[in-house]
Amino acid sequence: MNIRGVLLGAVILTASVPTSADIVEGRTVNDRQFVSGGIGSGEVEQLKQVADKYSLQLIVSSRAGAYLADMHGLITGANGQKILDTQLNAPWLLVDLAPGTYTVAVTHQGGSTQRRSVTIVPGKREQLVMQFDVPGDTAKNPAPAR
């Protein structure tokens, strides 16, 4: 392979990976893709551009609307199987879940946990916004739409 072929391959590979170092990509236990991020408006825009490729969009914020990070996320299937068990170092999580019913649990670093059930159907995206009470929260931006 000549140098042009190597460079072209590198460009194609780079184009499929988000450009921010803080965006995390991974796979669920059943080998479905997920991505998390959302620190800063640049990352939020990157995630919005690819959101339609994922069946579930989870956003974590305070009740006043400030994005939250350093949470723990757990998605389980209807049979209780752990599908995704991950540290959420950013407020956005996009997951390509297969059709079915899931429980999504997010635990705040203060210990409170919120759980929601979500049913994924083919061709439809679901969005969950989980909001936590945060002491001293003075965010002035509006809370994300549910």
Protein backbone atom coordinates (compact mmCIF):
# COMPACT_ATOMS: atom_id res chain seq x y z
CA MET A 1 0.00 0.00 0.00
CA ASN A 2 1.38 3.41 -0.91
CA ILE A 3 1.47 6.47 1.39
CA ARG A 4 -1.70 7.96 -0.19
CA GLY A 5 -3.63 4.82 0.72
CA VAL A 6 -2.38 4.95 4.31
CA LEU A 7 -3.28 8.63 4.64
CA LEU A 8 -6.72 8.10 3.12
CA GLY A 9 -7.38 5.25 5.55
CA ALA A 10 -6.32 7.45 8.48
CA VAL A 11 -8.64 10.25 7.34
CA ILE A 12 -11.61 7.87 7.02
CA LEU A 13 -10.94 6.39 10.47
CA THR A 14 -10.59 9.82 12.06
CA ALA A 15 -13.83 11.05 10.47
CA SER A 16 -15.86 8.37 12.30
CA VAL A 17 -14.53 9.28 15.76
CA PRO A 18 -15.76 12.38 17.61
CA THR A 19 -13.19 15.15 17.60
CA SER A 20 -13.36 15.94 21.32
CA ALA A 21 -11.11 14.00 23.69
CA ASP A 22 -13.84 14.19 26.36
CA ILE A 23 -16.42 12.31 24.32
CA VAL A 24 -16.37 8.63 25.27
CA GLU A 25 -17.41 5.86 22.91
CA GLY A 26 -18.07 2.28 23.94
CA ARG A 27 -20.15 -0.85 23.55
CA THR A 28 -22.93 -2.30 25.67
CA VAL A 29 -22.77 -5.92 26.86
CA ASN A 30 -24.73 -6.95 23.77
CA ASP A 31 -22.28 -5.07 21.51
CA ARG A 32 -24.45 -2.02 20.79
CA GLN A 33 -22.77 1.38 20.48
CA PHE A 34 -22.99 4.19 23.04
CA VAL A 35 -21.38 7.60 23.33
CA SER A 36 -21.29 10.07 26.21
CA GLY A 37 -20.17 13.65 26.51
CA GLY A 38 -21.62 17.11 26.58
CA ILE A 39 -19.04 19.13 28.46
CA GLY A 40 -19.24 22.48 26.72
CA SER A 41 -21.35 23.69 23.84
CA GLY A 42 -19.00 22.19 21.23
CA GLU A 43 -19.51 18.66 22.54
CA VAL A 44 -23.27 19.19 22.85
CA GLU A 45 -23.38 20.23 19.19
CA GLN A 46 -21.33 17.17 18.17
CA LEU A 47 -23.72 14.88 20.04
CA LYS A 48 -26.80 16.57 18.60
CA GLN A 49 -25.41 15.89 15.11
CA VAL A 50 -25.24 12.12 15.75
CA ALA A 51 -28.22 11.72 18.13
CA ASP A 52 -30.52 10.36 15.41
CA LYS A 53 -28.27 7.27 15.14
CA TYR A 54 -29.12 6.24 18.72
CA SER A 55 -32.44 4.96 20.05
CA LEU A 56 -31.99 6.47 23.53
CA GLN A 57 -30.83 9.94 24.53
CA LEU A 58 -30.31 10.55 28.26
CA ILE A 59 -29.61 14.03 29.63
CA VAL A 60 -28.80 14.62 33.31
CA SER A 61 -29.30 18.06 34.84
CA SER A 62 -30.17 19.95 37.99
CA ARG A 63 -33.76 21.12 38.43
CA ALA A 64 -32.59 24.64 37.54
CA GLY A 65 -31.19 23.35 34.24
CA ALA A 66 -27.44 23.09 34.81
CA TYR A 67 -25.95 19.99 33.22
CA LEU A 68 -24.57 17.49 35.74
CA ALA A 69 -21.66 15.07 35.49
CA ASP A 70 -19.96 12.53 37.77
CA MET A 71 -23.03 10.31 37.96
CA HIS A 72 -23.42 6.57 37.65
CA GLY A 73 -25.64 5.15 34.89
CA LEU A 74 -27.14 1.69 34.73
CA ILE A 75 -29.41 0.30 32.01
CA THR A 76 -31.02 -3.09 32.56
CA GLY A 77 -33.17 -5.16 30.26
CA ALA A 78 -36.64 -6.52 31.05
CA ASN A 79 -35.05 -9.70 32.40
CA GLY A 80 -32.78 -7.73 34.79
CA GLN A 81 -29.65 -8.21 32.64
CA LYS A 82 -27.17 -5.33 32.88
CA ILE A 83 -26.95 -3.81 29.41
CA LEU A 84 -24.76 -0.82 30.31
CA ASP A 85 -23.09 0.00 33.63
CA THR A 86 -20.98 3.12 33.31
CA GLN A 87 -19.66 6.24 34.98
CA LEU A 88 -21.26 9.33 33.44
CA ASN A 89 -18.50 11.92 33.39
CA ALA A 90 -20.69 14.18 31.26
CA PRO A 91 -24.42 15.00 31.09
CA TRP A 92 -25.31 13.34 27.76
CA LEU A 93 -25.52 9.62 27.04
CA LEU A 94 -26.61 8.26 23.66
CA VAL A 95 -27.21 4.50 23.42
CA ASP A 96 -28.21 2.32 20.48
CA LEU A 97 -30.56 -0.04 22.31
CA ALA A 98 -32.34 -2.87 20.54
CA PRO A 99 -36.14 -2.73 20.63
CA GLY A 100 -37.47 -3.73 24.04
CA THR A 101 -38.23 -2.40 27.51
CA TYR A 102 -35.42 -1.16 29.76
CA THR A 103 -34.92 0.41 33.15
CA VAL A 104 -32.56 3.38 33.21
CA ALA A 105 -31.12 4.31 36.61
CA VAL A 106 -28.92 7.32 37.32
CA THR A 107 -27.28 7.78 40.72
CA HIS A 108 -26.17 11.23 41.84
CA GLN A 109 -22.86 11.45 43.67
CA GLY A 110 -24.90 12.47 46.76
CA GLY A 111 -26.51 9.03 46.73
CA SER A 112 -29.99 9.68 45.33
CA THR A 113 -31.09 7.49 42.42
CA GLN A 114 -33.74 8.05 39.77
CA ARG A 115 -35.17 5.17 37.75
CA ARG A 116 -37.27 5.31 34.62
CA SER A 117 -38.70 2.66 32.37
CA VAL A 118 -38.37 3.19 28.64
CA THR A 119 -39.64 1.15 25.71
CA ILE A 120 -37.61 1.28 22.52
CA VAL A 121 -39.53 0.68 19.31
CA PRO A 122 -37.99 0.43 15.83
CA GLY A 123 -37.54 3.77 14.08
CA LYS A 124 -38.31 5.94 17.12
CA ARG A 125 -35.88 7.77 19.41
CA GLU A 126 -36.61 8.13 23.11
CA GLN A 127 -35.31 10.98 25.24
CA LEU A 128 -35.06 10.86 29.03
CA VAL A 129 -34.18 13.91 31.09
CA MET A 130 -33.32 13.14 34.69
CA GLN A 131 -33.17 16.13 36.98
CA PHE A 132 -31.70 16.17 40.48
CA ASP A 133 -31.99 18.58 43.39
CA VAL A 134 -28.54 20.05 43.86
CA PRO A 135 -27.78 22.14 46.96
CA GLY A 136 -26.81 25.70 46.09
CA ASP A 137 -27.97 25.31 42.48
CA THR A 138 -28.11 28.77 40.95
CA ALA A 139 -28.18 27.90 37.26
CA LYS A 140 -29.87 30.55 35.18
CA ASN A 141 -30.37 28.52 32.01
CA PRO A 142 -33.75 26.79 31.56
CA ALA A 143 -34.07 23.08 32.27
CA PRO A 144 -33.97 20.84 29.19
CA ALA A 145 -37.37 20.03 27.68
CA ARG A 146 -38.73 16.63 28.65
